[in-house]
PDB file of all heavy atoms in Angstrom:
ATOM      1  N   VAL A   1       0.852  -1.203  -0.004  1.00  0.00           N
ATOM      2  CA  VAL A   1       0.010   0.011  -0.001  1.00  0.00           C
ATOM      3  C   VAL A   1       0.878   1.232   0.000  1.00  0.00           C
ATOM      4  O   VAL A   1       1.834   1.358   0.773  1.00  0.00           O
ATOM      5  CB  VAL A   1      -0.923   0.017   1.242  1.00  0.00           C
ATOM      6  CG1 VAL A   1      -1.763   1.278   1.248  1.00  0.00           C
ATOM      7  CG2 VAL A   1      -1.834  -1.208   1.220  1.00  0.00           C
ATOM      8  N   GLU A   2       0.559   2.173  -0.858  1.00  0.00           N
ATOM      9  CA  GLU A   2       1.307   3.434  -0.967  1.00  0.00           C
ATOM     10  C   GLU A   2       0.673   4.471  -0.044  1.00  0.00           C
ATOM     11  O   GLU A   2      -0.506   4.820  -0.250  1.00  0.00           O
ATOM     12  CB  GLU A   2       1.311   3.939  -2.389  1.00  0.00           C
ATOM     13  CG  GLU A   2       1.942   3.004  -3.421  1.00  0.00           C
ATOM     14  CD  GLU A   2       3.435   3.080  -3.453  1.00  0.00           C
ATOM     15  OE1 GLU A   2       4.002   3.938  -2.697  1.00  0.00           O
ATOM     16  OE2 GLU A   2       4.055   2.315  -4.216  1.00  0.00           O
ATOM     17  N   LEU A   3       1.423   4.947   0.965  1.00  0.00           N
ATOM     18  CA  LEU A   3       0.938   5.988   1.860  1.00  0.00           C
ATOM     19  C   LEU A   3       1.439   7.345   1.396  1.00  0.00           C
ATOM     20  O   LEU A   3       2.400   7.464   0.644  1.00  0.00           O
ATOM     21  CB  LEU A   3       1.383   5.708   3.294  1.00  0.00           C
ATOM     22  CG  LEU A   3       0.989   4.361   3.917  1.00  0.00           C
ATOM     23  CD1 LEU A   3       1.525   4.262   5.330  1.00  0.00           C
ATOM     24  CD2 LEU A   3      -0.512   4.159   3.858  1.00  0.00           C
ATOM     25  N   SER A   4       0.816   8.398   1.917  1.00  0.00           N
ATOM     26  CA  SER A   4       1.229   9.737   1.549  1.00  0.00           C
ATOM     27  C   SER A   4       2.515  10.147   2.243  1.00  0.00           C
ATOM     28  O   SER A   4       3.219  11.058   1.817  1.00  0.00           O
ATOM     29  CB  SER A   4       0.121  10.762   1.884  1.00  0.00           C
ATOM     30  OG  SER A   4      -0.142  10.750   3.297  1.00  0.00           O
ATOM     31  N   ARG A   5       2.826   9.482   3.384  1.00  0.00           N
ATOM     32  CA  ARG A   5       4.061   9.725   4.119  1.00  0.00           C
ATOM     33  C   ARG A   5       4.430   8.450   4.876  1.00  0.00           C
ATOM     34  O   ARG A   5       3.598   7.555   5.013  1.00  0.00           O
ATOM     35  CB  ARG A   5       3.907  10.901   5.080  1.00  0.00           C
ATOM     36  CG  ARG A   5       2.814  10.745   6.142  1.00  0.00           C
ATOM     37  CD  ARG A   5       2.646  12.013   6.937  1.00  0.00           C
ATOM     38  NE  ARG A   5       1.558  11.961   7.894  1.00  0.00           N
ATOM     39  CZ  ARG A   5       1.653  11.577   9.149  1.00  0.00           C
ATOM     40  NH1 ARG A   5       2.843  11.164   9.615  1.00  0.00           N
ATOM     41  NH2 ARG A   5       0.590  11.586   9.951  1.00  0.00           N
ATOM     42  N   PRO A   6       5.686   8.325   5.335  1.00  0.00           N
ATOM     43  CA  PRO A   6       6.071   7.107   6.029  1.00  0.00           C
ATOM     44  C   PRO A   6       5.149   6.766   7.190  1.00  0.00           C
ATOM     45  O   PRO A   6       4.641   7.653   7.885  1.00  0.00           O
ATOM     46  CB  PRO A   6       7.506   7.403   6.493  1.00  0.00           C
ATOM     47  CG  PRO A   6       7.997   8.409   5.522  1.00  0.00           C
ATOM     48  CD  PRO A   6       6.813   9.261   5.172  1.00  0.00           C
ATOM     49  N   LEU A   7       4.954   5.485   7.428  1.00  0.00           N
ATOM     50  CA  LEU A   7       4.082   5.028   8.495  1.00  0.00           C
ATOM     51  C   LEU A   7       4.558   5.480   9.855  1.00  0.00           C
ATOM     52  O   LEU A   7       3.773   5.879  10.715  1.00  0.00           O
ATOM     53  CB  LEU A   7       3.988   3.494   8.451  1.00  0.00           C
ATOM     54  CG  LEU A   7       3.104   2.836   9.507  1.00  0.00           C
ATOM     55  CD1 LEU A   7       1.660   3.257   9.351  1.00  0.00           C
ATOM     56  CD2 LEU A   7       3.226   1.304   9.421  1.00  0.00           C
ATOM     57  N   GLY A   8       5.876   5.415  10.079  1.00  0.00           N
ATOM     58  CA  GLY A   8       6.446   5.880  11.352  1.00  0.00           C
ATOM     59  C   GLY A   8       5.923   5.071  12.520  1.00  0.00           C
ATOM     60  O   GLY A   8       5.856   3.846  12.462  1.00  0.00           O
ATOM     61  N   ASP A   9       5.541   5.776  13.592  1.00  0.00           N
ATOM     62  CA  ASP A   9       5.051   5.040  14.772  1.00  0.00           C
ATOM     63  C   ASP A   9       3.530   4.933  14.815  1.00  0.00           C
ATOM     64  O   ASP A   9       2.933   4.580  15.818  1.00  0.00           O
ATOM     65  CB  ASP A   9       5.550   5.756  16.060  1.00  0.00           C
ATOM     66  CG  ASP A   9       5.093   7.189  16.143  1.00  0.00           C
ATOM     67  OD1 ASP A   9       4.409   7.662  15.197  1.00  0.00           O
ATOM     68  OD2 ASP A   9       5.416   7.857  17.152  1.00  0.00           O
ATOM     69  N   ARG A  10       2.902   5.226  13.696  1.00  0.00           N
ATOM     70  CA  ARG A  10       1.450   5.063  13.644  1.00  0.00           C
ATOM     71  C   ARG A  10       1.075   3.569  13.591  1.00  0.00           C
ATOM     72  O   ARG A  10       1.790   2.754  12.999  1.00  0.00           O
ATOM     73  CB  ARG A  10       0.843   5.774  12.402  1.00  0.00           C
ATOM     74  CG  ARG A  10       0.974   7.273  12.468  1.00  0.00           C
ATOM     75  CD  ARG A  10       0.398   7.924  11.192  1.00  0.00           C
ATOM     76  NE  ARG A  10       1.178   7.606  10.003  1.00  0.00           N
ATOM     77  CZ  ARG A  10       0.780   7.947   8.753  1.00  0.00           C
ATOM     78  NH1 ARG A  10      -0.348   8.608   8.598  1.00  0.00           N
ATOM     79  NH2 ARG A  10       1.549   7.638   7.730  1.00  0.00           N
ATOM     80  N   VAL A  11      -0.046   3.247  14.199  1.00  0.00           N
ATOM     81  CA  VAL A  11      -0.520   1.858  14.168  1.00  0.00           C
ATOM     82  C   VAL A  11      -1.358   1.652  12.916  1.00  0.00           C
ATOM     83  O   VAL A  11      -1.930   2.597  12.343  1.00  0.00           O
ATOM     84  CB  VAL A  11      -1.326   1.469  15.424  1.00  0.00           C
ATOM     85  CG1 VAL A  11      -0.475   1.581  16.672  1.00  0.00           C
ATOM     86  CG2 VAL A  11      -2.585   2.341  15.531  1.00  0.00           C
ATOM     87  N   VAL A  12      -1.479   0.374  12.488  1.00  0.00           N
ATOM     88  CA  VAL A  12      -2.334   0.019  11.364  1.00  0.00           C
ATOM     89  C   VAL A  12      -3.609  -0.623  11.946  1.00  0.00           C
ATOM     90  O   VAL A  12      -3.535  -1.524  12.753  1.00  0.00           O
ATOM     91  CB  VAL A  12      -1.635  -0.977  10.422  1.00  0.00           C
ATOM     92  CG1 VAL A  12      -2.606  -1.482   9.339  1.00  0.00           C
ATOM     93  CG2 VAL A  12      -0.410  -0.325   9.782  1.00  0.00           C
ATOM     94  N   VAL A  13      -4.739  -0.091  11.522  1.00  0.00           N
ATOM     95  CA  VAL A  13      -6.042  -0.538  12.010  1.00  0.00           C
ATOM     96  C   VAL A  13      -6.814  -1.171  10.846  1.00  0.00           C
ATOM     97  O   VAL A  13      -6.873  -0.604   9.745  1.00  0.00           O
ATOM     98  CB  VAL A  13      -6.843   0.623  12.617  1.00  0.00           C
ATOM     99  CG1 VAL A  13      -8.261   0.166  13.003  1.00  0.00           C
ATOM    100  CG2 VAL A  13      -6.128   1.218  13.806  1.00  0.00           C
ATOM    101  N   ASP A  14      -7.375  -2.361  11.115  1.00  0.00           N
ATOM    102  CA  ASP A  14      -8.228  -3.025  10.113  1.00  0.00           C
ATOM    103  C   ASP A  14      -9.564  -2.289  10.094  1.00  0.00           C
ATOM    104  O   ASP A  14     -10.334  -2.305  11.063  1.00  0.00           O
ATOM    105  CB  ASP A  14      -8.412  -4.482  10.505  1.00  0.00           C
ATOM    106  CG  ASP A  14      -9.175  -5.281   9.460  1.00  0.00           C
ATOM    107  OD1 ASP A  14      -9.812  -4.684   8.579  1.00  0.00           O
ATOM    108  OD2 ASP A  14      -9.110  -6.532   9.518  1.00  0.00           O
ATOM    109  N   ALA A  15      -9.896  -1.643   8.972  1.00  0.00           N
ATOM    110  CA  ALA A  15     -11.129  -0.889   8.881  1.00  0.00           C
ATOM    111  C   ALA A  15     -12.373  -1.762   8.988  1.00  0.00           C
ATOM    112  O   ALA A  15     -13.441  -1.289   9.354  1.00  0.00           O
ATOM    113  CB  ALA A  15     -11.159  -0.092   7.590  1.00  0.00           C
ATOM    114  N   THR A  16     -12.202  -3.066   8.698  1.00  0.00           N
ATOM    115  CA  THR A  16     -13.342  -3.978   8.761  1.00  0.00           C
ATOM    116  C   THR A  16     -13.693  -4.395  10.158  1.00  0.00           C
ATOM    117  O   THR A  16     -14.844  -4.609  10.499  1.00  0.00           O
ATOM    118  CB  THR A  16     -13.051  -5.236   7.882  1.00  0.00           C
ATOM    119  OG1 THR A  16     -12.788  -4.811   6.526  1.00  0.00           O
ATOM    120  CG2 THR A  16     -14.195  -6.189   7.878  1.00  0.00           C
ATOM    121  N   THR A  17     -12.666  -4.546  10.999  1.00  0.00           N
ATOM    122  CA  THR A  17     -12.908  -5.016  12.376  1.00  0.00           C
ATOM    123  C   THR A  17     -12.719  -3.931  13.425  1.00  0.00           C
ATOM    124  O   THR A  17     -13.180  -4.039  14.558  1.00  0.00           O
ATOM    125  CB  THR A  17     -11.952  -6.182  12.707  1.00  0.00           C
ATOM    126  OG1 THR A  17     -10.567  -5.692  12.704  1.00  0.00           O
ATOM    127  CG2 THR A  17     -12.085  -7.302  11.708  1.00  0.00           C
ATOM    128  N   GLY A  18     -11.984  -2.856  13.065  1.00  0.00           N
ATOM    129  CA  GLY A  18     -11.679  -1.812  14.022  1.00  0.00           C
ATOM    130  C   GLY A  18     -10.555  -2.173  14.969  1.00  0.00           C
ATOM    131  O   GLY A  18     -10.264  -1.439  15.905  1.00  0.00           O
ATOM    132  N   LEU A  19      -9.853  -3.289  14.716  1.00  0.00           N
ATOM    133  CA  LEU A  19      -8.780  -3.762  15.572  1.00  0.00           C
ATOM    134  C   LEU A  19      -7.436  -3.367  15.031  1.00  0.00           C
ATOM    135  O   LEU A  19      -7.233  -3.257  13.794  1.00  0.00           O
ATOM    136  CB  LEU A  19      -8.865  -5.289  15.736  1.00  0.00           C
ATOM    137  CG  LEU A  19     -10.184  -5.836  16.324  1.00  0.00           C
ATOM    138  CD1 LEU A  19     -10.135  -7.364  16.324  1.00  0.00           C
ATOM    139  CD2 LEU A  19     -10.434  -5.294  17.719  1.00  0.00           C
ATOM    140  N   VAL A  20      -6.476  -3.196  15.952  1.00  0.00           N
ATOM    141  CA  VAL A  20      -5.096  -2.941  15.537  1.00  0.00           C
ATOM    142  C   VAL A  20      -4.517  -4.211  14.943  1.00  0.00           C
ATOM    143  O   VAL A  20      -4.668  -5.307  15.476  1.00  0.00           O
ATOM    144  CB  VAL A  20      -4.250  -2.482  16.736  1.00  0.00           C
ATOM    145  CG1 VAL A  20      -2.792  -2.342  16.344  1.00  0.00           C
ATOM    146  CG2 VAL A  20      -4.800  -1.161  17.296  1.00  0.00           C
ATOM    147  N   VAL A  21      -3.847  -4.060  13.809  1.00  0.00           N
ATOM    148  CA  VAL A  21      -3.305  -5.206  13.082  1.00  0.00           C
ATOM    149  C   VAL A  21      -1.912  -5.533  13.628  1.00  0.00           C
ATOM    150  O   VAL A  21      -1.087  -4.641  13.817  1.00  0.00           O
ATOM    151  CB  VAL A  21      -3.227  -4.896  11.563  1.00  0.00           C
ATOM    152  CG1 VAL A  21      -2.677  -6.080  10.799  1.00  0.00           C
ATOM    153  CG2 VAL A  21      -4.594  -4.481  11.043  1.00  0.00           C
ATOM    154  N   PRO A  22      -1.627  -6.821  13.933  1.00  0.00           N
ATOM    155  CA  PRO A  22      -0.280  -7.161  14.418  1.00  0.00           C
ATOM    156  C   PRO A  22       0.783  -6.926  13.371  1.00  0.00           C
ATOM    157  O   PRO A  22       0.558  -7.080  12.175  1.00  0.00           O
ATOM    158  CB  PRO A  22      -0.422  -8.655  14.767  1.00  0.00           C
ATOM    159  CG  PRO A  22      -1.581  -9.144  13.983  1.00  0.00           C
ATOM    160  CD  PRO A  22      -2.518  -7.992  13.847  1.00  0.00           C
ATOM    161  N   ARG A  23       1.917  -6.540  13.863  1.00  0.00           N
ATOM    162  CA  ARG A  23       3.062  -6.276  12.989  1.00  0.00           C
ATOM    163  C   ARG A  23       3.789  -7.565  12.723  1.00  0.00           C
ATOM    164  O   ARG A  23       4.035  -8.364  13.645  1.00  0.00           O
ATOM    165  CB  ARG A  23       3.970  -5.265  13.651  1.00  0.00           C
ATOM    166  CG  ARG A  23       5.265  -4.960  12.914  1.00  0.00           C
ATOM    167  CD  ARG A  23       5.968  -3.813  13.590  1.00  0.00           C
ATOM    168  NE  ARG A  23       7.294  -3.544  13.023  1.00  0.00           N
ATOM    169  CZ  ARG A  23       8.002  -2.479  13.223  1.00  0.00           C
ATOM    170  NH1 ARG A  23       7.503  -1.494  14.012  1.00  0.00           N
ATOM    171  NH2 ARG A  23       9.176  -2.295  12.670  1.00  0.00           N
ATOM    172  N   ARG A  24       4.178  -7.786  11.482  1.00  0.00           N
ATOM    173  CA  ARG A  24       4.938  -8.977  11.101  1.00  0.00           C
ATOM    174  C   ARG A  24       6.370  -8.602  10.821  1.00  0.00           C
ATOM    175  O   ARG A  24       6.653  -7.555  10.211  1.00  0.00           O
ATOM    176  CB  ARG A  24       4.308  -9.619   9.857  1.00  0.00           C
ATOM    177  CG  ARG A  24       5.081 -10.828   9.281  1.00  0.00           C
ATOM    178  CD  ARG A  24       4.248 -11.605   8.280  1.00  0.00           C
ATOM    179  NE  ARG A  24       3.522 -10.786   7.358  1.00  0.00           N
ATOM    180  CZ  ARG A  24       3.721 -10.794   6.038  1.00  0.00           C
ATOM    181  NH1 ARG A  24       4.678 -11.526   5.491  1.00  0.00           N
ATOM    182  NH2 ARG A  24       2.995 -10.036   5.257  1.00  0.00           N
ATOM    183  N   ALA A  25       7.266  -9.408  11.307  1.00  0.00           N
ATOM    184  CA  ALA A  25       8.703  -9.119  11.090  1.00  0.00           C
ATOM    185  C   ALA A  25       9.047  -9.189   9.617  1.00  0.00           C
ATOM    186  O   ALA A  25       8.515 -10.053   8.875  1.00  0.00           O
ATOM    187  CB  ALA A  25       9.561 -10.100  11.881  1.00  0.00           C
ATOM    188  N   ARG A  26       9.883  -8.268   9.182  1.00  0.00           N
ATOM    189  CA  ARG A  26      10.293  -8.283   7.781  1.00  0.00           C
ATOM    190  C   ARG A  26      11.190  -9.499   7.511  1.00  0.00           C
ATOM    191  O   ARG A  26      12.100  -9.788   8.299  1.00  0.00           O
ATOM    192  CB  ARG A  26      11.041  -6.987   7.444  1.00  0.00           C
ATOM    193  CG  ARG A  26      11.460  -6.883   5.995  1.00  0.00           C
ATOM    194  CD  ARG A  26      12.304  -5.676   5.705  1.00  0.00           C
ATOM    195  NE  ARG A  26      11.510  -4.433   5.830  1.00  0.00           N
ATOM    196  CZ  ARG A  26      11.630  -3.577   6.823  1.00  0.00           C
ATOM    197  NH1 ARG A  26      12.494  -3.843   7.814  1.00  0.00           N
ATOM    198  NH2 ARG A  26      10.925  -2.486   6.876  1.00  0.00           N
ATOM    199  N   GLU A  27      10.891 -10.187   6.450  1.00  0.00           N
ATOM    200  CA  GLU A  27      11.708 -11.349   6.093  1.00  0.00           C
ATOM    201  C   GLU A  27      13.084 -10.880   5.671  1.00  0.00           C
ATOM    202  O   GLU A  27      13.219  -9.886   4.962  1.00  0.00           O
ATOM    203  CB  GLU A  27      11.030 -12.155   4.992  1.00  0.00           C
ATOM    204  CG  GLU A  27       9.700 -12.743   5.369  1.00  0.00           C
ATOM    205  CD  GLU A  27       9.085 -13.524   4.244  1.00  0.00           C
ATOM    206  OE1 GLU A  27       9.715 -13.595   3.165  1.00  0.00           O
ATOM    207  OE2 GLU A  27       7.977 -14.077   4.414  1.00  0.00           O
ATOM    208  N   PRO A  28      14.122 -11.609   6.093  1.00  0.00           N
ATOM    209  CA  PRO A  28      15.485 -11.195   5.721  1.00  0.00           C
ATOM    210  C   PRO A  28      15.668 -11.313   4.220  1.00  0.00           C
ATOM    211  O   PRO A  28      15.153 -12.204   3.563  1.00  0.00           O
ATOM    212  CB  PRO A  28      16.374 -12.213   6.460  1.00  0.00           C
ATOM    213  CG  PRO A  28      15.469 -13.401   6.727  1.00  0.00           C
ATOM    214  CD  PRO A  28      14.108 -12.829   6.942  1.00  0.00           C
ATOM    215  N   ARG A  29      16.390 -10.343   3.707  1.00  0.00           N
ATOM    216  CA  ARG A  29      16.671 -10.335   2.257  1.00  0.00           C
ATOM    217  C   ARG A  29      17.697 -11.423   1.941  1.00  0.00           C
ATOM    218  O   ARG A  29      18.705 -11.558   2.615  1.00  0.00           O
ATOM    219  CB  ARG A  29      17.185  -8.995   1.802  1.00  0.00           C
ATOM    220  CG  ARG A  29      16.206  -7.848   2.037  1.00  0.00           C
ATOM    221  CD  ARG A  29      16.771  -6.529   1.511  1.00  0.00           C
ATOM    222  NE  ARG A  29      15.909  -5.414   1.769  1.00  0.00           N
ATOM    223  CZ  ARG A  29      14.886  -5.069   0.978  1.00  0.00           C
ATOM    224  NH1 ARG A  29      14.657  -5.788  -0.109  1.00  0.00           N
ATOM    225  NH2 ARG A  29      14.135  -4.036   1.259  1.00  0.00           N
TER     226      ARG A  29
END
């Protein structure tokens, strides 16, 4: 998803459930 600015310390919320979405660790390159 392309945001207008970096996500930073903002949380991601599922608009369908209203719940905060868990963060997944980035897979190593």
